[in-house]
């Protein structure tokens, strides 16, 4: 049976702020705007507007999955009414507008 070295085990990473999953503290802090942009990026990818991050090649659009990401953003906007600051509300509204326009263009 092996024991974890106290300087590299999960507890040591927790104490230094390193992520126990990735081993790196370089990931950006997740806030509302980061989360919303992540959902927007997912929708753009599913609309075929972004290349595959691994290969760099174009991907085939999947409008049903894109619609689900757009619907999730809309639900999030509706559930957070009155709790967002002006910049967060504007981000969600402008992102939803852009994604809807791209969706309509893509499904014509």
PDB file of N, CA and C in Angstrom:
ATOM      1  N   UNK A   1       0.838  -1.174   0.000  1.00  0.00           N
ATOM      2  CA  UNK A   1       0.000   0.000   0.000  1.00  0.00           C
ATOM      3  C   UNK A   1       0.883   1.238   0.000  1.00  0.00           C
ATOM      4  N   UNK A   2       0.607   2.169  -0.897  1.00  0.00           N
ATOM      5  CA  UNK A   2       1.422   3.381  -0.961  1.00  0.00           C
ATOM      6  C   UNK A   2       0.688   4.525  -0.309  1.00  0.00           C
ATOM      7  N   UNK A   3       1.434   5.405   0.285  1.00  0.00           N
ATOM      8  CA  UNK A   3       0.825   6.595   0.881  1.00  0.00           C
ATOM      9  C   UNK A   3       1.182   7.803   0.035  1.00  0.00           C
ATOM     10  N   UNK A   4       0.309   8.798   0.072  1.00  0.00           N
ATOM     11  CA  UNK A   4       0.554  10.000  -0.697  1.00  0.00           C
ATOM     12  C   UNK A   4       1.584  10.856   0.011  1.00  0.00           C
ATOM     13  N   UNK A   5       2.496  11.402  -0.757  1.00  0.00           N
ATOM     14  CA  UNK A   5       3.466  12.342  -0.216  1.00  0.00           C
ATOM     15  C   UNK A   5       2.706  13.583   0.247  1.00  0.00           C
ATOM     16  N   UNK A   6       2.970  14.026   1.465  1.00  0.00           N
ATOM     17  CA  UNK A   6       2.236  15.156   2.029  1.00  0.00           C
ATOM     18  C   UNK A   6       2.439  16.442   1.244  1.00  0.00           C
ATOM     19  N   UNK A   7       3.487  16.538   0.425  1.00  0.00           N
ATOM     20  CA  UNK A   7       3.732  17.766  -0.331  1.00  0.00           C
ATOM     21  C   UNK A   7       3.067  17.760  -1.696  1.00  0.00           C
ATOM     22  N   UNK A   8       2.562  16.595  -2.139  1.00  0.00           N
ATOM     23  CA  UNK A   8       1.942  16.534  -3.469  1.00  0.00           C
ATOM     24  C   UNK A   8       0.544  15.957  -3.465  1.00  0.00           C
ATOM     25  N   UNK A   9       0.047  15.489  -2.358  1.00  0.00           N
ATOM     26  CA  UNK A   9      -1.281  14.884  -2.291  1.00  0.00           C
ATOM     27  C   UNK A   9      -2.383  15.905  -2.411  1.00  0.00           C
ATOM     28  N   UNK A  10      -3.630  15.442  -2.477  1.00  0.00           N
ATOM     29  CA  UNK A  10      -4.777  16.336  -2.616  1.00  0.00           C
ATOM     30  C   UNK A  10      -4.858  17.385  -1.519  1.00  0.00           C
ATOM     31  N   UNK A  11      -4.504  17.009  -0.285  1.00  0.00           N
ATOM     32  CA  UNK A  11      -4.573  17.975   0.817  1.00  0.00           C
ATOM     33  C   UNK A  11      -3.563  19.099   0.607  1.00  0.00           C
ATOM     34  N   UNK A  12      -2.361  18.776   0.142  1.00  0.00           N
ATOM     35  CA  UNK A  12      -1.340  19.796  -0.109  1.00  0.00           C
ATOM     36  C   UNK A  12      -1.795  20.732  -1.226  1.00  0.00           C
ATOM     37  N   UNK A  13      -2.413  20.188  -2.252  1.00  0.00           N
ATOM     38  CA  UNK A  13      -2.897  21.012  -3.357  1.00  0.00           C
ATOM     39  C   UNK A  13      -4.017  21.928  -2.883  1.00  0.00           C
ATOM     40  N   UNK A  14      -4.854  21.406  -2.014  1.00  0.00           N
ATOM     41  CA  UNK A  14      -5.946  22.203  -1.468  1.00  0.00           C
ATOM     42  C   UNK A  14      -5.395  23.383  -0.672  1.00  0.00           C
ATOM     43  N   UNK A  15      -4.351  23.127   0.098  1.00  0.00           N
ATOM     44  CA  UNK A  15      -3.765  24.167   0.940  1.00  0.00           C
ATOM     45  C   UNK A  15      -3.057  25.238   0.116  1.00  0.00           C
ATOM     46  N   UNK A  16      -2.484  24.874  -1.034  1.00  0.00           N
ATOM     47  CA  UNK A  16      -1.769  25.843  -1.865  1.00  0.00           C
ATOM     48  C   UNK A  16      -2.670  26.499  -2.891  1.00  0.00           C
ATOM     49  N   UNK A  17      -3.928  26.058  -2.966  1.00  0.00           N
ATOM     50  CA  UNK A  17      -4.847  26.647  -3.928  1.00  0.00           C
ATOM     51  C   UNK A  17      -4.833  25.949  -5.268  1.00  0.00           C
ATOM     52  N   UNK A  18      -4.019  24.913  -5.422  1.00  0.00           N
ATOM     53  CA  UNK A  18      -3.998  24.173  -6.676  1.00  0.00           C
ATOM     54  C   UNK A  18      -5.225  23.290  -6.785  1.00  0.00           C
ATOM     55  N   UNK A  19      -5.696  23.097  -7.979  1.00  0.00           N
ATOM     56  CA  UNK A  19      -6.830  22.228  -8.210  1.00  0.00           C
ATOM     57  C   UNK A  19      -6.391  20.776  -8.078  1.00  0.00           C
ATOM     58  N   UNK A  20      -7.103  20.011  -7.283  1.00  0.00           N
ATOM     59  CA  UNK A  20      -6.773  18.593  -7.118  1.00  0.00           C
ATOM     60  C   UNK A  20      -7.089  17.819  -8.388  1.00  0.00           C
ATOM     61  N   UNK A  21      -7.979  18.350  -9.225  1.00  0.00           N
ATOM     62  CA  UNK A  21      -8.359  17.654 -10.450  1.00  0.00           C
ATOM     63  C   UNK A  21      -7.332  17.882 -11.549  1.00  0.00           C
ATOM     64  N   UNK A  22      -6.938  19.131 -11.784  1.00  0.00           N
ATOM     65  CA  UNK A  22      -6.045  19.433 -12.894  1.00  0.00           C
ATOM     66  C   UNK A  22      -4.594  19.575 -12.474  1.00  0.00           C
ATOM     67  N   UNK A  23      -4.370  19.804 -11.182  1.00  0.00           N
ATOM     68  CA  UNK A  23      -3.012  20.009 -10.735  1.00  0.00           C
ATOM     69  C   UNK A  23      -2.501  21.396 -11.066  1.00  0.00           C
ATOM     70  N   UNK A  24      -3.383  22.292 -11.452  1.00  0.00           N
ATOM     71  CA  UNK A  24      -2.968  23.631 -11.836  1.00  0.00           C
ATOM     72  C   UNK A  24      -3.936  24.653 -11.278  1.00  0.00           C
ATOM     73  N   UNK A  25      -3.419  25.765 -10.823  1.00  0.00           N
ATOM     74  CA  UNK A  25      -4.255  26.838 -10.330  1.00  0.00           C
ATOM     75  C   UNK A  25      -4.498  27.890 -11.395  1.00  0.00           C
ATOM     76  N   UNK A  26      -4.247  27.577 -12.670  1.00  0.00           N
ATOM     77  CA  UNK A  26      -4.319  28.547 -13.756  1.00  0.00           C
ATOM     78  C   UNK A  26      -5.704  28.744 -14.341  1.00  0.00           C
ATOM     79  N   UNK A  27      -6.683  27.981 -13.934  1.00  0.00           N
ATOM     80  CA  UNK A  27      -8.028  28.127 -14.481  1.00  0.00           C
ATOM     81  C   UNK A  27      -8.648  29.410 -13.962  1.00  0.00           C
ATOM     82  N   UNK A  28      -9.376  30.123 -14.836  1.00  0.00           N
ATOM     83  CA  UNK A  28      -9.990  31.368 -14.370  1.00  0.00           C
ATOM     84  C   UNK A  28     -11.099  31.086 -13.367  1.00  0.00           C
ATOM     85  N   UNK A  29     -11.316  32.034 -12.484  1.00  0.00           N
ATOM     86  CA  UNK A  29     -12.392  31.911 -11.520  1.00  0.00           C
ATOM     87  C   UNK A  29     -13.715  31.944 -12.275  1.00  0.00           C
ATOM     88  N   UNK A  30     -14.616  31.068 -11.906  1.00  0.00           N
ATOM     89  CA  UNK A  30     -15.908  31.024 -12.567  1.00  0.00           C
ATOM     90  C   UNK A  30     -16.826  32.030 -11.886  1.00  0.00           C
ATOM     91  N   UNK A  31     -17.260  33.003 -12.664  1.00  0.00           N
ATOM     92  CA  UNK A  31     -18.253  33.952 -12.189  1.00  0.00           C
ATOM     93  C   UNK A  31     -19.424  33.898 -13.168  1.00  0.00           C
ATOM     94  N   UNK A  32     -20.415  34.707 -12.966  1.00  0.00           N
ATOM     95  CA  UNK A  32     -21.609  34.657 -13.806  1.00  0.00           C
ATOM     96  C   UNK A  32     -21.277  34.895 -15.277  1.00  0.00           C
ATOM     97  N   UNK A  33     -20.460  35.908 -15.551  1.00  0.00           N
ATOM     98  CA  UNK A  33     -20.117  36.240 -16.940  1.00  0.00           C
ATOM     99  C   UNK A  33     -19.349  35.105 -17.617  1.00  0.00           C
ATOM    100  N   UNK A  34     -18.416  34.499 -16.903  1.00  0.00           N
ATOM    101  CA  UNK A  34     -17.654  33.377 -17.459  1.00  0.00           C
ATOM    102  C   UNK A  34     -18.577  32.209 -17.787  1.00  0.00           C
ATOM    103  N   UNK A  35     -19.506  31.940 -16.883  1.00  0.00           N
ATOM    104  CA  UNK A  35     -20.462  30.850 -17.096  1.00  0.00           C
ATOM    105  C   UNK A  35     -21.341  31.116 -18.317  1.00  0.00           C
ATOM    106  N   UNK A  36     -21.856  32.340 -18.432  1.00  0.00           N
ATOM    107  CA  UNK A  36     -22.713  32.712 -19.559  1.00  0.00           C
ATOM    108  C   UNK A  36     -21.928  32.614 -20.868  1.00  0.00           C
ATOM    109  N   UNK A  37     -20.702  33.101 -20.873  1.00  0.00           N
ATOM    110  CA  UNK A  37     -19.882  33.020 -22.083  1.00  0.00           C
ATOM    111  C   UNK A  37     -19.566  31.577 -22.456  1.00  0.00           C
ATOM    112  N   UNK A  38     -19.410  30.721 -21.461  1.00  0.00           N
ATOM    113  CA  UNK A  38     -19.182  29.306 -21.729  1.00  0.00           C
ATOM    114  C   UNK A  38     -20.389  28.684 -22.427  1.00  0.00           C
ATOM    115  N   UNK A  39     -21.589  29.001 -21.956  1.00  0.00           N
ATOM    116  CA  UNK A  39     -22.801  28.502 -22.612  1.00  0.00           C
ATOM    117  C   UNK A  39     -22.923  29.062 -24.025  1.00  0.00           C
ATOM    118  N   UNK A  40     -22.568  30.328 -24.196  1.00  0.00           N
ATOM    119  CA  UNK A  40     -22.605  30.935 -25.528  1.00  0.00           C
ATOM    120  C   UNK A  40     -21.627  30.273 -26.480  1.00  0.00           C
ATOM    121  N   UNK A  41     -20.441  29.969 -25.981  1.00  0.00           N
ATOM    122  CA  UNK A  41     -19.439  29.286 -26.800  1.00  0.00           C
ATOM    123  C   UNK A  41     -19.924  27.903 -27.208  1.00  0.00           C
ATOM    124  N   UNK A  42     -20.578  27.218 -26.298  1.00  0.00           N
ATOM    125  CA  UNK A  42     -21.150  25.906 -26.608  1.00  0.00           C
ATOM    126  C   UNK A  42     -22.177  26.025 -27.729  1.00  0.00           C
ATOM    127  N   UNK A  43     -23.047  27.014 -27.637  1.00  0.00           N
ATOM    128  CA  UNK A  43     -24.064  27.209 -28.676  1.00  0.00           C
ATOM    129  C   UNK A  43     -23.414  27.532 -30.020  1.00  0.00           C
ATOM    130  N   UNK A  44     -22.410  28.407 -30.021  1.00  0.00           N
ATOM    131  CA  UNK A  44     -21.721  28.744 -31.273  1.00  0.00           C
ATOM    132  C   UNK A  44     -21.057  27.519 -31.887  1.00  0.00           C
ATOM    133  N   UNK A  45     -20.434  26.707 -31.051  1.00  0.00           N
ATOM    134  CA  UNK A  45     -19.802  25.470 -31.524  1.00  0.00           C
ATOM    135  C   UNK A  45     -20.852  24.564 -32.163  1.00  0.00           C
ATOM    136  N   UNK A  46     -21.999  24.412 -31.488  1.00  0.00           N
ATOM    137  CA  UNK A  46     -23.054  23.540 -31.999  1.00  0.00           C
ATOM    138  C   UNK A  46     -23.710  24.112 -33.260  1.00  0.00           C
ATOM    139  N   UNK A  47     -23.598  25.403 -33.463  1.00  0.00           N
ATOM    140  CA  UNK A  47     -24.104  26.012 -34.696  1.00  0.00           C
ATOM    141  C   UNK A  47     -23.099  25.912 -35.838  1.00  0.00           C
ATOM    142  N   UNK A  48     -21.928  25.353 -35.548  1.00  0.00           N
ATOM    143  CA  UNK A  48     -20.896  25.204 -36.564  1.00  0.00           C
ATOM    144  C   UNK A  48     -20.132  26.488 -36.811  1.00  0.00           C
ATOM    145  N   UNK A  49     -20.264  27.468 -35.919  1.00  0.00           N
ATOM    146  CA  UNK A  49     -19.609  28.763 -36.083  1.00  0.00           C
ATOM    147  C   UNK A  49     -18.183  28.775 -35.550  1.00  0.00           C
ATOM    148  N   UNK A  50     -17.803  27.718 -34.857  1.00  0.00           N
ATOM    149  CA  UNK A  50     -16.454  27.624 -34.286  1.00  0.00           C
ATOM    150  C   UNK A  50     -15.861  26.276 -34.675  1.00  0.00           C
ATOM    151  N   UNK A  51     -14.554  26.253 -34.949  1.00  0.00           N
ATOM    152  CA  UNK A  51     -13.925  24.974 -35.280  1.00  0.00           C
ATOM    153  C   UNK A  51     -13.766  24.091 -34.041  1.00  0.00           C
ATOM    154  N   UNK A  52     -13.566  22.815 -34.288  1.00  0.00           N
ATOM    155  CA  UNK A  52     -13.286  21.880 -33.212  1.00  0.00           C
ATOM    156  C   UNK A  52     -12.003  22.322 -32.514  1.00  0.00           C
ATOM    157  N   UNK A  53     -12.019  22.510 -31.201  1.00  0.00           N
ATOM    158  CA  UNK A  53     -10.820  23.005 -30.511  1.00  0.00           C
ATOM    159  C   UNK A  53      -9.631  22.046 -30.585  1.00  0.00           C
ATOM    160  N   UNK A  54      -9.891  20.760 -30.697  1.00  0.00           N
ATOM    161  CA  UNK A  54      -8.798  19.782 -30.728  1.00  0.00           C
ATOM    162  C   UNK A  54      -8.153  19.698 -32.098  1.00  0.00           C
ATOM    163  N   UNK A  55      -8.980  19.671 -33.153  1.00  0.00           N
ATOM    164  CA  UNK A  55      -8.442  19.473 -34.494  1.00  0.00           C
ATOM    165  C   UNK A  55      -8.338  20.758 -35.298  1.00  0.00           C
ATOM    166  N   UNK A  56      -9.099  21.781 -34.925  1.00  0.00           N
ATOM    167  CA  UNK A  56      -9.112  23.026 -35.694  1.00  0.00           C
ATOM    168  C   UNK A  56      -9.968  22.946 -36.940  1.00  0.00           C
ATOM    169  N   UNK A  57     -10.616  21.790 -37.152  1.00  0.00           N
ATOM    170  CA  UNK A  57     -11.437  21.599 -38.338  1.00  0.00           C
ATOM    171  C   UNK A  57     -12.872  22.053 -38.084  1.00  0.00           C
ATOM    172  N   UNK A  58     -13.551  22.408 -39.159  1.00  0.00           N
ATOM    173  CA  UNK A  58     -14.954  22.800 -39.065  1.00  0.00           C
ATOM    174  C   UNK A  58     -15.781  21.618 -38.587  1.00  0.00           C
ATOM    175  N   UNK A  59     -16.844  21.928 -37.865  1.00  0.00           N
ATOM    176  CA  UNK A  59     -17.732  20.881 -37.378  1.00  0.00           C
ATOM    177  C   UNK A  59     -19.102  21.060 -37.996  1.00  0.00           C
ATOM    178  N   UNK A  60     -19.813  19.963 -38.096  1.00  0.00           N
ATOM    179  CA  UNK A  60     -21.174  20.013 -38.621  1.00  0.00           C
ATOM    180  C   UNK A  60     -22.095  20.576 -37.554  1.00  0.00           C
ATOM    181  N   UNK A  61     -22.969  21.463 -37.957  1.00  0.00           N
ATOM    182  CA  UNK A  61     -23.897  22.086 -37.016  1.00  0.00           C
ATOM    183  C   UNK A  61     -24.888  21.057 -36.478  1.00  0.00           C
ATOM    184  N   UNK A  62     -25.258  21.214 -35.236  1.00  0.00           N
ATOM    185  CA  UNK A  62     -26.278  20.394 -34.594  1.00  0.00           C
ATOM    186  C   UNK A  62     -27.292  21.355 -33.973  1.00  0.00           C
ATOM    187  N   UNK A  63     -28.265  21.818 -34.787  1.00  0.00           N
ATOM    188  CA  UNK A  63     -29.202  22.848 -34.319  1.00  0.00           C
ATOM    189  C   UNK A  63     -29.988  22.476 -33.072  1.00  0.00           C
ATOM    190  N   UNK A  64     -30.317  21.209 -32.885  1.00  0.00           N
ATOM    191  CA  UNK A  64     -31.073  20.820 -31.690  1.00  0.00           C
ATOM    192  C   UNK A  64     -30.275  21.044 -30.411  1.00  0.00           C
ATOM    193  N   UNK A  65     -28.996  20.702 -30.432  1.00  0.00           N
ATOM    194  CA  UNK A  65     -28.149  20.906 -29.260  1.00  0.00           C
ATOM    195  C   UNK A  65     -27.883  22.405 -29.071  1.00  0.00           C
ATOM    196  N   UNK A  66     -27.705  23.127 -30.169  1.00  0.00           N
ATOM    197  CA  UNK A  66     -27.525  24.579 -30.093  1.00  0.00           C
ATOM    198  C   UNK A  66     -28.761  25.225 -29.472  1.00  0.00           C
ATOM    199  N   UNK A  67     -29.943  24.784 -29.877  1.00  0.00           N
ATOM    200  CA  UNK A  67     -31.181  25.333 -29.330  1.00  0.00           C
ATOM    201  C   UNK A  67     -31.272  25.072 -27.830  1.00  0.00           C
ATOM    202  N   UNK A  68     -30.805  23.929 -27.396  1.00  0.00           N
ATOM    203  CA  UNK A  68     -30.831  23.616 -25.966  1.00  0.00           C
ATOM    204  C   UNK A  68     -29.928  24.575 -25.190  1.00  0.00           C
ATOM    205  N   UNK A  69     -28.750  24.880 -25.714  1.00  0.00           N
ATOM    206  CA  UNK A  69     -27.848  25.823 -25.045  1.00  0.00           C
ATOM    207  C   UNK A  69     -28.464  27.219 -25.017  1.00  0.00           C
ATOM    208  N   UNK A  70     -29.102  27.631 -26.104  1.00  0.00           N
ATOM    209  CA  UNK A  70     -29.761  28.935 -26.165  1.00  0.00           C
ATOM    210  C   UNK A  70     -30.920  28.972 -25.172  1.00  0.00           C
ATOM    211  N   UNK A  71     -31.696  27.906 -25.128  1.00  0.00           N
ATOM    212  CA  UNK A  71     -32.815  27.829 -24.168  1.00  0.00           C
ATOM    213  C   UNK A  71     -32.313  27.878 -22.724  1.00  0.00           C
ATOM    214  N   UNK A  72     -31.170  27.266 -22.461  1.00  0.00           N
ATOM    215  CA  UNK A  72     -30.590  27.292 -21.117  1.00  0.00           C
ATOM    216  C   UNK A  72     -30.207  28.714 -20.733  1.00  0.00           C
ATOM    217  N   UNK A  73     -29.609  29.443 -21.676  1.00  0.00           N
ATOM    218  CA  UNK A  73     -29.271  30.844 -21.412  1.00  0.00           C
ATOM    219  C   UNK A  73     -30.524  31.679 -21.158  1.00  0.00           C
ATOM    220  N   UNK A  74     -31.572  31.422 -21.936  1.00  0.00           N
ATOM    221  CA  UNK A  74     -32.813  32.162 -21.754  1.00  0.00           C
ATOM    222  C   UNK A  74     -33.440  31.852 -20.388  1.00  0.00           C
ATOM    223  N   UNK A  75     -33.426  30.598 -19.994  1.00  0.00           N
ATOM    224  CA  UNK A  75     -33.951  30.204 -18.691  1.00  0.00           C
ATOM    225  C   UNK A  75     -33.150  30.862 -17.574  1.00  0.00           C
ATOM    226  N   UNK A  76     -31.835  30.885 -17.729  1.00  0.00           N
ATOM    227  CA  UNK A  76     -30.972  31.512 -16.739  1.00  0.00           C
ATOM    228  C   UNK A  76     -31.273  33.012 -16.628  1.00  0.00           C
ATOM    229  N   UNK A  77     -31.473  33.658 -17.764  1.00  0.00           N
ATOM    230  CA  UNK A  77     -31.827  35.080 -17.760  1.00  0.00           C
ATOM    231  C   UNK A  77     -33.145  35.299 -17.020  1.00  0.00           C
ATOM    232  N   UNK A  78     -34.138  34.467 -17.323  1.00  0.00           N
ATOM    233  CA  UNK A  78     -35.447  34.612 -16.696  1.00  0.00           C
ATOM    234  C   UNK A  78     -35.389  34.362 -15.191  1.00  0.00           C
ATOM    235  N   UNK A  79     -34.594  33.402 -14.767  1.00  0.00           N
ATOM    236  CA  UNK A  79     -34.508  33.056 -13.345  1.00  0.00           C
ATOM    237  C   UNK A  79     -33.679  34.051 -12.533  1.00  0.00           C
ATOM    238  N   UNK A  80     -32.891  34.876 -13.214  1.00  0.00           N
ATOM    239  CA  UNK A  80     -32.037  35.820 -12.499  1.00  0.00           C
ATOM    240  C   UNK A  80     -32.529  37.267 -12.612  1.00  0.00           C
ATOM    241  N   UNK A  81     -33.736  37.463 -13.136  1.00  0.00           N
ATOM    242  CA  UNK A  81     -34.280  38.817 -13.256  1.00  0.00           C
ATOM    243  C   UNK A  81     -34.249  39.498 -11.890  1.00  0.00           C
ATOM    244  N   UNK A  82     -33.706  40.704 -11.866  1.00  0.00           N
ATOM    245  CA  UNK A  82     -33.610  41.474 -10.634  1.00  0.00           C
ATOM    246  C   UNK A  82     -32.359  41.185  -9.819  1.00  0.00           C
ATOM    247  N   UNK A  83     -31.584  40.200 -10.224  1.00  0.00           N
ATOM    248  CA  UNK A  83     -30.386  39.831  -9.468  1.00  0.00           C
ATOM    249  C   UNK A  83     -29.085  40.091 -10.227  1.00  0.00           C
ATOM    250  N   UNK A  84     -29.179  40.599 -11.447  1.00  0.00           N
ATOM    251  CA  UNK A  84     -27.984  40.861 -12.244  1.00  0.00           C
ATOM    252  C   UNK A  84     -27.669  42.347 -12.234  1.00  0.00           C
ATOM    253  N   UNK A  85     -26.373  42.656 -12.304  1.00  0.00           N
ATOM    254  CA  UNK A  85     -26.035  44.064 -12.465  1.00  0.00           C
ATOM    255  C   UNK A  85     -26.193  44.414 -13.953  1.00  0.00           C
ATOM    256  N   UNK A  86     -26.068  45.684 -14.281  1.00  0.00           N
ATOM    257  CA  UNK A  86     -26.319  46.138 -15.649  1.00  0.00           C
ATOM    258  C   UNK A  86     -25.433  45.444 -16.678  1.00  0.00           C
ATOM    259  N   UNK A  87     -24.152  45.268 -16.368  1.00  0.00           N
ATOM    260  CA  UNK A  87     -23.248  44.644 -17.339  1.00  0.00           C
ATOM    261  C   UNK A  87     -23.583  43.169 -17.543  1.00  0.00           C
ATOM    262  N   UNK A  88     -23.973  42.469 -16.492  1.00  0.00           N
ATOM    263  CA  UNK A  88     -24.356  41.051 -16.626  1.00  0.00           C
ATOM    264  C   UNK A  88     -25.632  40.919 -17.442  1.00  0.00           C
ATOM    265  N   UNK A  89     -26.611  41.774 -17.173  1.00  0.00           N
ATOM    266  CA  UNK A  89     -27.868  41.727 -17.917  1.00  0.00           C
ATOM    267  C   UNK A  89     -27.632  42.031 -19.396  1.00  0.00           C
ATOM    268  N   UNK A  90     -26.800  43.034 -19.660  1.00  0.00           N
ATOM    269  CA  UNK A  90     -26.498  43.393 -21.048  1.00  0.00           C
ATOM    270  C   UNK A  90     -25.754  42.258 -21.759  1.00  0.00           C
ATOM    271  N   UNK A  91     -24.846  41.596 -21.056  1.00  0.00           N
ATOM    272  CA  UNK A  91     -24.119  40.466 -21.633  1.00  0.00           C
ATOM    273  C   UNK A  91     -25.083  39.365 -22.043  1.00  0.00           C
ATOM    274  N   UNK A  92     -25.978  38.985 -21.147  1.00  0.00           N
ATOM    275  CA  UNK A  92     -26.933  37.913 -21.432  1.00  0.00           C
ATOM    276  C   UNK A  92     -27.840  38.313 -22.596  1.00  0.00           C
ATOM    277  N   UNK A  93     -28.374  39.525 -22.556  1.00  0.00           N
ATOM    278  CA  UNK A  93     -29.290  39.966 -23.610  1.00  0.00           C
ATOM    279  C   UNK A  93     -28.610  40.027 -24.972  1.00  0.00           C
ATOM    280  N   UNK A  94     -27.416  40.587 -25.034  1.00  0.00           N
ATOM    281  CA  UNK A  94     -26.728  40.691 -26.326  1.00  0.00           C
ATOM    282  C   UNK A  94     -26.290  39.323 -26.835  1.00  0.00           C
ATOM    283  N   UNK A  95     -25.859  38.459 -25.935  1.00  0.00           N
ATOM    284  CA  UNK A  95     -25.462  37.110 -26.339  1.00  0.00           C
ATOM    285  C   UNK A  95     -26.666  36.332 -26.865  1.00  0.00           C
ATOM    286  N   UNK A  96     -27.797  36.427 -26.167  1.00  0.00           N
ATOM    287  CA  UNK A  96     -29.005  35.749 -26.645  1.00  0.00           C
ATOM    288  C   UNK A  96     -29.427  36.274 -28.011  1.00  0.00           C
ATOM    289  N   UNK A  97     -29.368  37.583 -28.218  1.00  0.00           N
ATOM    290  CA  UNK A  97     -29.734  38.157 -29.515  1.00  0.00           C
ATOM    291  C   UNK A  97     -28.833  37.601 -30.620  1.00  0.00           C
ATOM    292  N   UNK A  98     -27.525  37.631 -30.381  1.00  0.00           N
ATOM    293  CA  UNK A  98     -26.569  37.139 -31.381  1.00  0.00           C
ATOM    294  C   UNK A  98     -26.783  35.655 -31.676  1.00  0.00           C
ATOM    295  N   UNK A  99     -26.985  34.864 -30.651  1.00  0.00           N
ATOM    296  CA  UNK A  99     -27.175  33.426 -30.850  1.00  0.00           C
ATOM    297  C   UNK A  99     -28.480  33.125 -31.585  1.00  0.00           C
ATOM    298  N   UNK A 100     -29.527  33.855 -31.254  1.00  0.00           N
ATOM    299  CA  UNK A 100     -30.801  33.649 -31.957  1.00  0.00           C
ATOM    300  C   UNK A 100     -30.686  33.996 -33.436  1.00  0.00           C
ATOM    301  N   UNK A 101     -30.002  35.096 -33.738  1.00  0.00           N
ATOM    302  CA  UNK A 101     -29.821  35.488 -35.140  1.00  0.00           C
ATOM    303  C   UNK A 101     -29.017  34.420 -35.895  1.00  0.00           C
ATOM    304  N   UNK A 102     -27.974  33.943 -35.286  1.00  0.00           N
ATOM    305  CA  UNK A 102     -27.169  32.897 -35.929  1.00  0.00           C
ATOM    306  C   UNK A 102     -27.970  31.605 -36.088  1.00  0.00           C
ATOM    307  N   UNK A 103     -28.788  31.295 -35.095  1.00  0.00           N
ATOM    308  CA  UNK A 103     -29.608  30.082 -35.173  1.00  0.00           C
ATOM    309  C   UNK A 103     -30.579  30.176 -36.345  1.00  0.00           C
ATOM    310  N   UNK A 104     -31.251  31.322 -36.485  1.00  0.00           N
ATOM    311  CA  UNK A 104     -32.203  31.503 -37.580  1.00  0.00           C
ATOM    312  C   UNK A 104     -31.498  31.401 -38.923  1.00  0.00           C
ATOM    313  N   UNK A 105     -30.332  32.053 -39.025  1.00  0.00           N
ATOM    314  CA  UNK A 105     -29.548  31.990 -40.248  1.00  0.00           C
ATOM    315  C   UNK A 105     -29.121  30.554 -40.567  1.00  0.00           C
ATOM    316  N   UNK A 106     -28.733  29.845 -39.553  1.00  0.00           N
ATOM    317  CA  UNK A 106     -28.227  28.477 -39.726  1.00  0.00           C
ATOM    318  C   UNK A 106     -29.330  27.492 -40.101  1.00  0.00           C
ATOM    319  N   UNK A 107     -30.557  27.739 -39.677  1.00  0.00           N
ATOM    320  CA  UNK A 107     -31.628  26.759 -39.913  1.00  0.00           C
ATOM    321  C   UNK A 107     -32.533  27.125 -41.088  1.00  0.00           C
ATOM    322  N   UNK A 108     -32.164  28.121 -41.847  1.00  0.00           N
ATOM    323  CA  UNK A 108     -32.954  28.469 -43.044  1.00  0.00           C
ATOM    324  C   UNK A 108     -32.796  27.450 -44.125  1.00  0.00           C
TER     325      UNK A 108
END
